[in-house]
PDB file of N, CA and C in Angstrom:
ATOM      1  N   UNK A   1     -16.225 -16.925 -38.033  1.00  0.00           N
ATOM      2  CA  UNK A   1     -14.515 -16.943 -38.060  1.00  0.00           C
ATOM      3  C   UNK A   1     -14.562 -17.780 -39.183  1.00  0.00           C
ATOM      4  N   UNK A   2     -15.255 -18.922 -39.069  1.00  0.00           N
ATOM      5  CA  UNK A   2     -15.251 -20.054 -39.980  1.00  0.00           C
ATOM      6  C   UNK A   2     -15.222 -19.652 -41.641  1.00  0.00           C
ATOM      7  N   UNK A   3     -16.483 -18.889 -41.853  1.00  0.00           N
ATOM      8  CA  UNK A   3     -16.595 -18.487 -43.214  1.00  0.00           C
ATOM      9  C   UNK A   3     -15.774 -17.590 -43.694  1.00  0.00           C
ATOM     10  N   UNK A   4     -15.406 -16.696 -43.043  1.00  0.00           N
ATOM     11  CA  UNK A   4     -14.017 -15.659 -43.415  1.00  0.00           C
ATOM     12  C   UNK A   4     -13.103 -16.513 -43.570  1.00  0.00           C
ATOM     13  N   UNK A   5     -12.489 -17.430 -43.194  1.00  0.00           N
ATOM     14  CA  UNK A   5     -11.660 -18.115 -43.329  1.00  0.00           C
ATOM     15  C   UNK A   5     -11.263 -19.043 -44.528  1.00  0.00           C
ATOM     16  N   UNK A   6     -12.707 -19.666 -44.816  1.00  0.00           N
ATOM     17  CA  UNK A   6     -12.910 -20.104 -45.944  1.00  0.00           C
ATOM     18  C   UNK A   6     -13.063 -19.263 -47.348  1.00  0.00           C
ATOM     19  N   UNK A   7     -13.561 -18.335 -46.767  1.00  0.00           N
ATOM     20  CA  UNK A   7     -13.811 -17.285 -47.940  1.00  0.00           C
ATOM     21  C   UNK A   7     -12.144 -16.778 -48.328  1.00  0.00           C
ATOM     22  N   UNK A   8     -11.445 -16.238 -47.150  1.00  0.00           N
ATOM     23  CA  UNK A   8      -9.957 -15.922 -47.613  1.00  0.00           C
ATOM     24  C   UNK A   8      -9.377 -17.014 -48.373  1.00  0.00           C
ATOM     25  N   UNK A   9      -9.487 -18.351 -47.972  1.00  0.00           N
ATOM     26  CA  UNK A   9      -8.509 -19.332 -48.552  1.00  0.00           C
ATOM     27  C   UNK A   9      -8.879 -19.454 -50.084  1.00  0.00           C
ATOM     28  N   UNK A  10     -10.291 -19.777 -50.455  1.00  0.00           N
ATOM     29  CA  UNK A  10     -10.873 -19.684 -51.786  1.00  0.00           C
ATOM     30  C   UNK A  10     -10.776 -18.536 -52.563  1.00  0.00           C
ATOM     31  N   UNK A  11     -11.120 -17.557 -51.973  1.00  0.00           N
ATOM     32  CA  UNK A  11     -10.467 -15.792 -52.781  1.00  0.00           C
ATOM     33  C   UNK A  11      -8.693 -16.134 -53.120  1.00  0.00           C
ATOM     34  N   UNK A  12      -7.863 -16.275 -52.138  1.00  0.00           N
ATOM     35  CA  UNK A  12      -6.762 -16.504 -52.615  1.00  0.00           C
ATOM     36  C   UNK A  12      -6.369 -17.435 -53.226  1.00  0.00           C
ATOM     37  N   UNK A  13      -6.636 -18.947 -53.449  1.00  0.00           N
ATOM     38  CA  UNK A  13      -6.292 -19.880 -54.479  1.00  0.00           C
ATOM     39  C   UNK A  13      -6.881 -19.391 -55.666  1.00  0.00           C
ATOM     40  N   UNK A  14      -7.954 -18.663 -55.730  1.00  0.00           N
ATOM     41  CA  UNK A  14      -8.251 -18.312 -56.948  1.00  0.00           C
ATOM     42  C   UNK A  14      -7.726 -16.860 -57.601  1.00  0.00           C
ATOM     43  N   UNK A  15      -7.409 -16.395 -56.858  1.00  0.00           N
ATOM     44  CA  UNK A  15      -6.338 -15.035 -57.074  1.00  0.00           C
ATOM     45  C   UNK A  15      -5.226 -15.405 -57.536  1.00  0.00           C
ATOM     46  N   UNK A  16      -4.399 -16.186 -56.802  1.00  0.00           N
ATOM     47  CA  UNK A  16      -3.194 -17.098 -57.150  1.00  0.00           C
ATOM     48  C   UNK A  16      -3.185 -18.213 -58.395  1.00  0.00           C
ATOM     49  N   UNK A  17      -4.222 -18.628 -58.484  1.00  0.00           N
ATOM     50  CA  UNK A  17      -4.302 -19.389 -59.542  1.00  0.00           C
ATOM     51  C   UNK A  17      -4.488 -18.777 -61.300  1.00  0.00           C
ATOM     52  N   UNK A  18      -5.045 -17.394 -60.675  1.00  0.00           N
ATOM     53  CA  UNK A  18      -5.523 -16.671 -62.077  1.00  0.00           C
ATOM     54  C   UNK A  18      -4.085 -15.843 -62.278  1.00  0.00           C
ATOM     55  N   UNK A  19      -3.090 -15.392 -61.186  1.00  0.00           N
ATOM     56  CA  UNK A  19      -1.726 -15.060 -61.803  1.00  0.00           C
ATOM     57  C   UNK A  19      -0.903 -15.901 -62.052  1.00  0.00           C
ATOM     58  N   UNK A  20      -1.090 -17.115 -61.903  1.00  0.00           N
ATOM     59  CA  UNK A  20      -0.107 -17.972 -62.094  1.00  0.00           C
ATOM     60  C   UNK A  20      -0.169 -18.947 -64.002  1.00  0.00           C
ATOM     61  N   UNK A  21      -1.686 -18.721 -63.849  1.00  0.00           N
ATOM     62  CA  UNK A  21      -1.839 -19.526 -65.185  1.00  0.00           C
ATOM     63  C   UNK A  21      -2.304 -18.391 -66.404  1.00  0.00           C
ATOM     64  N   UNK A  22      -2.593 -17.189 -65.872  1.00  0.00           N
ATOM     65  CA  UNK A  22      -3.091 -16.069 -66.985  1.00  0.00           C
ATOM     66  C   UNK A  22      -1.824 -14.832 -67.120  1.00  0.00           C
ATOM     67  N   UNK A  23      -1.948 -14.317 -67.695  1.00  0.00           N
ATOM     68  CA  UNK A  23      -1.024 -12.896 -67.817  1.00  0.00           C
ATOM     69  C   UNK A  23      -1.916 -11.791 -66.658  1.00  0.00           C
ATOM     70  N   UNK A  24      -2.421 -12.194 -65.988  1.00  0.00           N
ATOM     71  CA  UNK A  24      -3.242 -11.247 -65.008  1.00  0.00           C
ATOM     72  C   UNK A  24      -2.392 -10.296 -64.332  1.00  0.00           C
ATOM     73  N   UNK A  25      -1.362 -11.047 -63.621  1.00  0.00           N
ATOM     74  CA  UNK A  25      -0.435 -10.193 -63.113  1.00  0.00           C
ATOM     75  C   UNK A  25       0.505  -8.699 -63.701  1.00  0.00           C
ATOM     76  N   UNK A  26       0.987  -9.432 -64.879  1.00  0.00           N
ATOM     77  CA  UNK A  26       1.870  -8.282 -65.628  1.00  0.00           C
ATOM     78  C   UNK A  26       0.979  -6.954 -65.847  1.00  0.00           C
ATOM     79  N   UNK A  27      -0.230  -7.471 -66.236  1.00  0.00           N
ATOM     80  CA  UNK A  27      -1.109  -6.221 -66.806  1.00  0.00           C
ATOM     81  C   UNK A  27      -1.483  -5.509 -65.501  1.00  0.00           C
ATOM     82  N   UNK A  28      -1.760  -6.115 -64.341  1.00  0.00           N
ATOM     83  CA  UNK A  28      -2.312  -5.563 -63.152  1.00  0.00           C
ATOM     84  C   UNK A  28      -0.878  -4.367 -62.383  1.00  0.00           C
ATOM     85  N   UNK A  29       0.083  -4.919 -62.380  1.00  0.00           N
ATOM     86  CA  UNK A  29       1.275  -4.351 -62.107  1.00  0.00           C
ATOM     87  C   UNK A  29       1.883  -3.535 -62.928  1.00  0.00           C
ATOM     88  N   UNK A  30       1.544  -3.381 -64.501  1.00  0.00           N
ATOM     89  CA  UNK A  30       1.785  -2.646 -65.493  1.00  0.00           C
ATOM     90  C   UNK A  30       0.728  -1.168 -65.295  1.00  0.00           C
ATOM     91  N   UNK A  31      -0.383  -1.618 -64.991  1.00  0.00           N
ATOM     92  CA  UNK A  31      -1.532  -0.443 -64.394  1.00  0.00           C
ATOM     93  C   UNK A  31      -1.189   0.140 -63.281  1.00  0.00           C
ATOM     94  N   UNK A  32      -0.494  -0.394 -62.347  1.00  0.00           N
ATOM     95  CA  UNK A  32      -0.201   0.068 -61.212  1.00  0.00           C
ATOM     96  C   UNK A  32       1.603   0.731 -60.931  1.00  0.00           C
ATOM     97  N   UNK A  33       2.082   0.752 -62.160  1.00  0.00           N
ATOM     98  CA  UNK A  33       3.352   1.423 -62.526  1.00  0.00           C
ATOM     99  C   UNK A  33       4.269   0.468 -61.764  1.00  0.00           C
ATOM    100  N   UNK A  34       4.260  -0.708 -61.477  1.00  0.00           N
ATOM    101  CA  UNK A  34       5.267  -1.337 -60.785  1.00  0.00           C
ATOM    102  C   UNK A  34       6.043  -2.806 -61.542  1.00  0.00           C
ATOM    103  N   UNK A  35       6.377  -2.018 -62.518  1.00  0.00           N
ATOM    104  CA  UNK A  35       6.960  -2.905 -63.560  1.00  0.00           C
ATOM    105  C   UNK A  35       8.075  -3.343 -63.420  1.00  0.00           C
ATOM    106  N   UNK A  36       8.763  -2.797 -62.505  1.00  0.00           N
ATOM    107  CA  UNK A  36      10.095  -3.246 -61.830  1.00  0.00           C
ATOM    108  C   UNK A  36       9.999  -4.382 -60.883  1.00  0.00           C
ATOM    109  N   UNK A  37       8.933  -4.774 -60.321  1.00  0.00           N
ATOM    110  CA  UNK A  37       8.679  -5.644 -59.270  1.00  0.00           C
ATOM    111  C   UNK A  37       8.121  -7.188 -60.131  1.00  0.00           C
ATOM    112  N   UNK A  38       8.063  -6.969 -61.444  1.00  0.00           N
ATOM    113  CA  UNK A  38       7.692  -7.631 -62.207  1.00  0.00           C
ATOM    114  C   UNK A  38       8.354  -8.808 -62.369  1.00  0.00           C
ATOM    115  N   UNK A  39       9.666  -8.861 -62.543  1.00  0.00           N
ATOM    116  CA  UNK A  39      10.542 -10.236 -62.496  1.00  0.00           C
ATOM    117  C   UNK A  39      10.782 -10.541 -61.419  1.00  0.00           C
ATOM    118  N   UNK A  40      10.547 -10.121 -60.114  1.00  0.00           N
ATOM    119  CA  UNK A  40      10.568 -10.644 -59.078  1.00  0.00           C
ATOM    120  C   UNK A  40       9.438 -11.789 -58.420  1.00  0.00           C
ATOM    121  N   UNK A  41       8.290 -11.070 -58.773  1.00  0.00           N
ATOM    122  CA  UNK A  41       6.953 -11.566 -58.455  1.00  0.00           C
ATOM    123  C   UNK A  41       6.537 -12.940 -59.539  1.00  0.00           C
ATOM    124  N   UNK A  42       6.829 -12.217 -60.369  1.00  0.00           N
ATOM    125  CA  UNK A  42       6.175 -12.889 -61.654  1.00  0.00           C
ATOM    126  C   UNK A  42       6.913 -14.425 -61.785  1.00  0.00           C
ATOM    127  N   UNK A  43       7.022 -14.851 -61.068  1.00  0.00           N
ATOM    128  CA  UNK A  43       7.651 -16.729 -61.080  1.00  0.00           C
ATOM    129  C   UNK A  43       7.182 -17.435 -60.528  1.00  0.00           C
ATOM    130  N   UNK A  44       7.543 -18.899 -60.940  1.00  0.00           N
ATOM    131  CA  UNK A  44       6.880 -19.863 -60.304  1.00  0.00           C
ATOM    132  C   UNK A  44       7.560 -20.342 -58.925  1.00  0.00           C
ATOM    133  N   UNK A  45       8.721 -19.788 -58.520  1.00  0.00           N
ATOM    134  CA  UNK A  45       9.252 -19.862 -57.147  1.00  0.00           C
ATOM    135  C   UNK A  45       8.512 -19.075 -56.468  1.00  0.00           C
ATOM    136  N   UNK A  46       7.702 -18.128 -56.829  1.00  0.00           N
ATOM    137  CA  UNK A  46       7.249 -17.343 -55.710  1.00  0.00           C
ATOM    138  C   UNK A  46       5.680 -17.652 -55.620  1.00  0.00           C
ATOM    139  N   UNK A  47       4.877 -17.597 -56.838  1.00  0.00           N
ATOM    140  CA  UNK A  47       3.464 -17.377 -56.881  1.00  0.00           C
ATOM    141  C   UNK A  47       2.862 -19.040 -56.430  1.00  0.00           C
ATOM    142  N   UNK A  48       3.745 -20.333 -56.859  1.00  0.00           N
ATOM    143  CA  UNK A  48       3.482 -21.830 -56.725  1.00  0.00           C
ATOM    144  C   UNK A  48       3.287 -22.043 -55.303  1.00  0.00           C
ATOM    145  N   UNK A  49       4.234 -21.226 -54.198  1.00  0.00           N
ATOM    146  CA  UNK A  49       4.106 -21.716 -52.912  1.00  0.00           C
ATOM    147  C   UNK A  49       3.210 -20.851 -51.968  1.00  0.00           C
ATOM    148  N   UNK A  50       2.577 -19.549 -52.992  1.00  0.00           N
ATOM    149  CA  UNK A  50       1.463 -18.784 -52.381  1.00  0.00           C
ATOM    150  C   UNK A  50       0.318 -19.490 -52.771  1.00  0.00           C
ATOM    151  N   UNK A  51       0.176 -20.071 -53.821  1.00  0.00           N
ATOM    152  CA  UNK A  51      -1.184 -20.975 -54.197  1.00  0.00           C
ATOM    153  C   UNK A  51      -1.184 -22.015 -53.055  1.00  0.00           C
ATOM    154  N   UNK A  52      -0.238 -22.753 -52.551  1.00  0.00           N
ATOM    155  CA  UNK A  52       0.082 -24.150 -52.060  1.00  0.00           C
ATOM    156  C   UNK A  52      -0.757 -23.602 -50.869  1.00  0.00           C
ATOM    157  N   UNK A  53      -0.347 -22.624 -50.247  1.00  0.00           N
ATOM    158  CA  UNK A  53      -0.705 -21.881 -48.960  1.00  0.00           C
ATOM    159  C   UNK A  53      -2.340 -21.504 -48.879  1.00  0.00           C
ATOM    160  N   UNK A  54      -2.366 -21.005 -50.036  1.00  0.00           N
ATOM    161  CA  UNK A  54      -3.670 -20.606 -49.999  1.00  0.00           C
ATOM    162  C   UNK A  54      -4.925 -21.990 -49.945  1.00  0.00           C
ATOM    163  N   UNK A  55      -4.521 -23.007 -50.721  1.00  0.00           N
ATOM    164  CA  UNK A  55      -4.961 -24.130 -50.733  1.00  0.00           C
ATOM    165  C   UNK A  55      -4.764 -25.067 -49.218  1.00  0.00           C
ATOM    166  N   UNK A  56      -3.879 -24.864 -48.778  1.00  0.00           N
ATOM    167  CA  UNK A  56      -3.857 -25.445 -47.390  1.00  0.00           C
ATOM    168  C   UNK A  56      -4.817 -24.923 -46.308  1.00  0.00           C
ATOM    169  N   UNK A  57      -4.893 -23.625 -46.704  1.00  0.00           N
ATOM    170  CA  UNK A  57      -5.640 -22.520 -45.474  1.00  0.00           C
ATOM    171  C   UNK A  57      -7.231 -23.063 -46.146  1.00  0.00           C
ATOM    172  N   UNK A  58      -7.574 -23.002 -47.092  1.00  0.00           N
ATOM    173  CA  UNK A  58      -8.929 -23.741 -47.637  1.00  0.00           C
ATOM    174  C   UNK A  58      -9.287 -25.117 -47.115  1.00  0.00           C
ATOM    175  N   UNK A  59      -8.195 -25.857 -47.167  1.00  0.00           N
ATOM    176  CA  UNK A  59      -8.615 -27.253 -46.454  1.00  0.00           C
ATOM    177  C   UNK A  59      -8.502 -27.247 -45.108  1.00  0.00           C
ATOM    178  N   UNK A  60      -7.690 -26.364 -44.656  1.00  0.00           N
ATOM    179  CA  UNK A  60      -8.046 -26.218 -43.107  1.00  0.00           C
ATOM    180  C   UNK A  60      -9.366 -25.767 -42.559  1.00  0.00           C
ATOM    181  N   UNK A  61      -9.906 -24.619 -43.278  1.00  0.00           N
ATOM    182  CA  UNK A  61     -11.105 -24.402 -43.087  1.00  0.00           C
ATOM    183  C   UNK A  61     -12.410 -25.423 -42.961  1.00  0.00           C
ATOM    184  N   UNK A  62     -11.956 -26.140 -44.421  1.00  0.00           N
ATOM    185  CA  UNK A  62     -13.176 -26.846 -44.611  1.00  0.00           C
ATOM    186  C   UNK A  62     -13.180 -28.103 -43.485  1.00  0.00           C
ATOM    187  N   UNK A  63     -12.038 -28.488 -43.222  1.00  0.00           N
ATOM    188  CA  UNK A  63     -11.764 -29.458 -42.118  1.00  0.00           C
ATOM    189  C   UNK A  63     -12.484 -29.016 -40.675  1.00  0.00           C
ATOM    190  N   UNK A  64     -12.151 -27.706 -40.396  1.00  0.00           N
ATOM    191  CA  UNK A  64     -12.960 -27.196 -39.333  1.00  0.00           C
ATOM    192  C   UNK A  64     -14.247 -26.843 -39.012  1.00  0.00           C
ATOM    193  N   UNK A  65     -14.583 -26.677 -40.206  1.00  0.00           N
ATOM    194  CA  UNK A  65     -16.550 -26.835 -40.139  1.00  0.00           C
ATOM    195  C   UNK A  65     -17.076 -28.202 -40.103  1.00  0.00           C
ATOM    196  N   UNK A  66     -15.939 -29.213 -40.722  1.00  0.00           N
ATOM    197  CA  UNK A  66     -16.336 -30.557 -40.688  1.00  0.00           C
ATOM    198  C   UNK A  66     -16.330 -31.390 -39.460  1.00  0.00           C
ATOM    199  N   UNK A  67     -15.680 -30.720 -38.495  1.00  0.00           N
ATOM    200  CA  UNK A  67     -15.462 -31.609 -37.117  1.00  0.00           C
ATOM    201  C   UNK A  67     -16.192 -30.937 -36.217  1.00  0.00           C
ATOM    202  N   UNK A  68     -16.988 -31.555 -35.718  1.00  0.00           N
ATOM    203  CA  UNK A  68     -17.931 -31.694 -34.525  1.00  0.00           C
ATOM    204  C   UNK A  68     -17.124 -30.625 -32.938  1.00  0.00           C
ATOM    205  N   UNK A  69     -17.797 -30.136 -32.527  1.00  0.00           N
ATOM    206  CA  UNK A  69     -17.239 -29.459 -31.285  1.00  0.00           C
ATOM    207  C   UNK A  69     -17.228 -30.348 -30.268  1.00  0.00           C
TER     208      UNK A  69
END
């Protein structure tokens, strides 16, 4: 469970970072035919809180691995 939580946190952080700082999200949404959603999703008001949430999840998973039971 701990490794899955850490993998989800790191993977989500990396994906959110790629979508925030590179034009990956417009390419993916265009390829999927979802360009109408692009104006809503591709904004810092949506992507930065998602990235912060995954960073918190990563920190929690690391903290959980470090603390003894």
